[in-house]
Amino acid sequence: MGDSIPERELGPISQTDIVRFAGAGGDFNPLHHDAAFAEKAGFDTVIAMGQMQAGMLASWLTDWCGVEYLRELEVRFLAPVRLGALLRLTGAVTGWADLDGTPVAELELRASVGSADVVRGVARIAAVSANGRSAPSPDDGR
């Protein structure tokens, strides 16, 4: 417990990143692409969709552990992400459990901008895959 996953920094978040995600996900809310609309809504600029940060967090996690090991992922959105933001993705093992007879590592995940968390998540990854391969340890630096 307490072992950390190798961190990743992403960004700066650009308008192109947001528009590409909108096209992929179908979220065309003007908060994400129309600066005048975003200002009328109380923001200083457009904001990225929360699902974009959640997707980045999930991708980072599965790049490290392998998608075949992911058993559960839950996220909570805490703050908007603006253009130019640098996201720092971090995670740590907080415990171990048994899920349907398989040992799983319980992880706490964070996406932060500066010192503020914008997304927090919890995940469970299996210690072994269905074919018996071992999952990476946090020290693997995958």
Protein backbone atom coordinates (compact mmCIF):
# COMPACT_ATOMS: atom_id res chain seq x y z
CA MET A 1 0.00 0.00 0.00
CA GLY A 2 1.05 3.55 -0.62
CA ASP A 3 2.98 2.65 -3.78
CA SER A 4 2.44 5.26 -6.46
CA ILE A 5 1.85 4.90 -10.19
CA PRO A 6 4.26 6.78 -12.46
CA GLU A 7 2.84 10.29 -12.97
CA ARG A 8 1.91 11.79 -16.31
CA GLU A 9 1.55 15.43 -17.34
CA LEU A 10 -0.71 16.37 -20.25
CA GLY A 11 -1.29 19.68 -21.96
CA PRO A 12 -1.53 22.48 -22.27
CA ILE A 13 -5.18 21.77 -23.10
CA SER A 14 -6.00 23.42 -26.42
CA GLN A 15 -9.19 24.38 -28.21
CA THR A 16 -8.31 21.67 -30.75
CA ASP A 17 -8.20 19.05 -27.95
CA ILE A 18 -11.66 20.12 -26.80
CA VAL A 19 -13.18 20.20 -30.31
CA ARG A 20 -11.71 16.79 -31.16
CA PHE A 21 -13.19 15.31 -27.99
CA ALA A 22 -16.54 16.98 -28.71
CA GLY A 23 -16.59 15.33 -32.13
CA ALA A 24 -15.66 11.93 -30.73
CA GLY A 25 -18.09 12.11 -27.82
CA GLY A 26 -20.91 14.12 -29.39
CA ASP A 27 -20.88 16.83 -26.69
CA PHE A 28 -21.47 20.10 -28.55
CA ASN A 29 -22.45 22.23 -25.57
CA PRO A 30 -21.31 25.79 -26.44
CA LEU A 31 -19.49 26.01 -23.08
CA HIS A 32 -16.80 23.94 -24.78
CA HIS A 33 -16.30 25.91 -28.00
CA ASP A 34 -17.96 29.36 -27.81
CA ALA A 35 -16.00 31.85 -25.66
CA ALA A 36 -18.82 34.43 -25.62
CA PHE A 37 -21.32 31.81 -24.43
CA ALA A 38 -18.88 30.59 -21.77
CA GLU A 39 -18.37 34.16 -20.52
CA LYS A 40 -22.15 34.70 -20.27
CA ALA A 41 -22.29 31.51 -18.20
CA GLY A 42 -19.70 32.91 -15.76
CA PHE A 43 -16.47 31.38 -17.07
CA ASP A 44 -13.49 33.38 -18.27
CA THR A 45 -13.04 31.10 -21.29
CA VAL A 46 -14.35 27.84 -22.69
CA ILE A 47 -13.99 24.77 -20.51
CA ALA A 48 -13.17 21.17 -21.34
CA MET A 49 -15.76 18.47 -20.81
CA GLY A 50 -15.37 16.53 -17.58
CA GLN A 51 -15.48 13.30 -19.56
CA MET A 52 -12.36 14.43 -21.41
CA GLN A 53 -10.33 14.48 -18.18
CA ALA A 54 -11.95 11.21 -17.08
CA GLY A 55 -10.93 9.64 -20.39
CA MET A 56 -7.37 10.93 -19.99
CA LEU A 57 -7.24 9.46 -16.48
CA ALA A 58 -8.57 6.09 -17.70
CA SER A 59 -6.17 6.02 -20.63
CA TRP A 60 -3.19 6.82 -18.39
CA LEU A 61 -4.20 4.06 -15.96
CA THR A 62 -4.69 1.41 -18.64
CA ASP A 63 -1.48 2.46 -20.44
CA TRP A 64 0.25 1.54 -17.20
CA CYS A 65 -1.62 -1.59 -16.10
CA GLY A 66 -3.19 -2.88 -19.32
CA VAL A 67 -6.89 -2.60 -20.06
CA GLU A 68 -7.33 -6.35 -19.44
CA TYR A 69 -6.63 -5.78 -15.72
CA LEU A 70 -9.09 -2.94 -15.12
CA ARG A 71 -12.11 -4.16 -13.16
CA GLU A 72 -13.72 -0.94 -11.89
CA LEU A 73 -13.28 2.78 -12.39
CA GLU A 74 -15.33 5.53 -10.80
CA VAL A 75 -14.66 9.26 -11.16
CA ARG A 76 -15.94 12.45 -9.58
CA PHE A 77 -15.66 15.84 -11.28
CA LEU A 78 -14.53 18.62 -8.95
CA ALA A 79 -13.63 21.67 -11.04
CA PRO A 80 -13.66 22.86 -14.66
CA VAL A 81 -10.54 22.69 -16.81
CA ARG A 82 -9.75 25.76 -18.89
CA LEU A 83 -7.74 26.30 -22.05
CA GLY A 84 -4.02 26.22 -21.40
CA ALA A 85 -4.27 24.00 -18.33
CA LEU A 86 -1.57 21.43 -17.61
CA LEU A 87 -3.06 18.26 -16.15
CA ARG A 88 -1.02 16.17 -13.74
CA LEU A 89 -2.25 12.58 -13.34
CA THR A 90 -1.28 10.72 -10.16
CA GLY A 91 -2.32 7.58 -8.39
CA ALA A 92 -1.50 5.32 -5.48
CA VAL A 93 -2.42 1.90 -4.15
CA THR A 94 -4.67 2.30 -1.11
CA GLY A 95 -5.45 -1.33 -0.37
CA TRP A 96 -6.10 -4.85 -1.57
CA ALA A 97 -9.37 -6.73 -1.85
CA ASP A 98 -10.88 -9.86 -3.33
CA LEU A 99 -13.23 -9.48 -6.31
CA ASP A 100 -14.91 -12.71 -7.37
CA GLY A 101 -11.91 -14.74 -6.23
CA THR A 102 -9.33 -12.48 -7.85
CA PRO A 103 -6.99 -10.29 -5.80
CA VAL A 104 -7.35 -6.65 -6.83
CA ALA A 105 -5.39 -3.54 -5.99
CA GLU A 106 -7.52 -0.60 -4.93
CA LEU A 107 -6.22 2.69 -6.30
CA GLU A 108 -6.87 6.36 -5.65
CA LEU A 109 -6.45 8.51 -8.79
CA ARG A 110 -6.24 12.27 -9.30
CA ALA A 111 -6.16 14.72 -12.17
CA SER A 112 -4.89 18.08 -10.95
CA VAL A 113 -4.26 21.54 -12.33
CA GLY A 114 -1.65 23.17 -10.13
CA SER A 115 -2.51 22.21 -6.57
CA ALA A 116 -6.25 21.78 -7.26
CA ASP A 117 -7.81 18.42 -8.04
CA VAL A 118 -10.18 18.61 -11.00
CA VAL A 119 -11.07 14.90 -11.05
CA ARG A 120 -10.72 12.22 -8.39
CA GLY A 121 -11.20 8.58 -9.04
CA VAL A 122 -11.02 5.14 -7.55
CA ALA A 123 -10.16 2.02 -9.47
CA ARG A 124 -9.63 -1.65 -8.95
CA ILE A 125 -7.17 -3.57 -11.06
CA ALA A 126 -6.75 -7.33 -11.02
CA ALA A 127 -3.42 -8.72 -9.86
CA VAL A 128 -3.64 -11.36 -12.63
CA SER A 129 -5.38 -11.46 -16.00
CA ALA A 130 -7.74 -14.20 -17.15
CA ASN A 131 -4.78 -15.93 -18.86
CA GLY A 132 -2.74 -15.89 -15.64
CA ARG A 133 -0.34 -13.03 -16.54
CA SER A 134 0.64 -10.86 -13.60
CA ALA A 135 -0.32 -7.19 -13.52
CA PRO A 136 2.48 -4.64 -13.22
CA SER A 137 3.53 -3.40 -9.84
CA PRO A 138 3.63 0.38 -9.28
CA ASP A 139 7.44 0.19 -9.48
CA ASP A 140 7.37 -1.17 -13.05
CA GLY A 141 7.30 2.35 -14.52
CA ARG A 142 5.47 0.98 -17.56
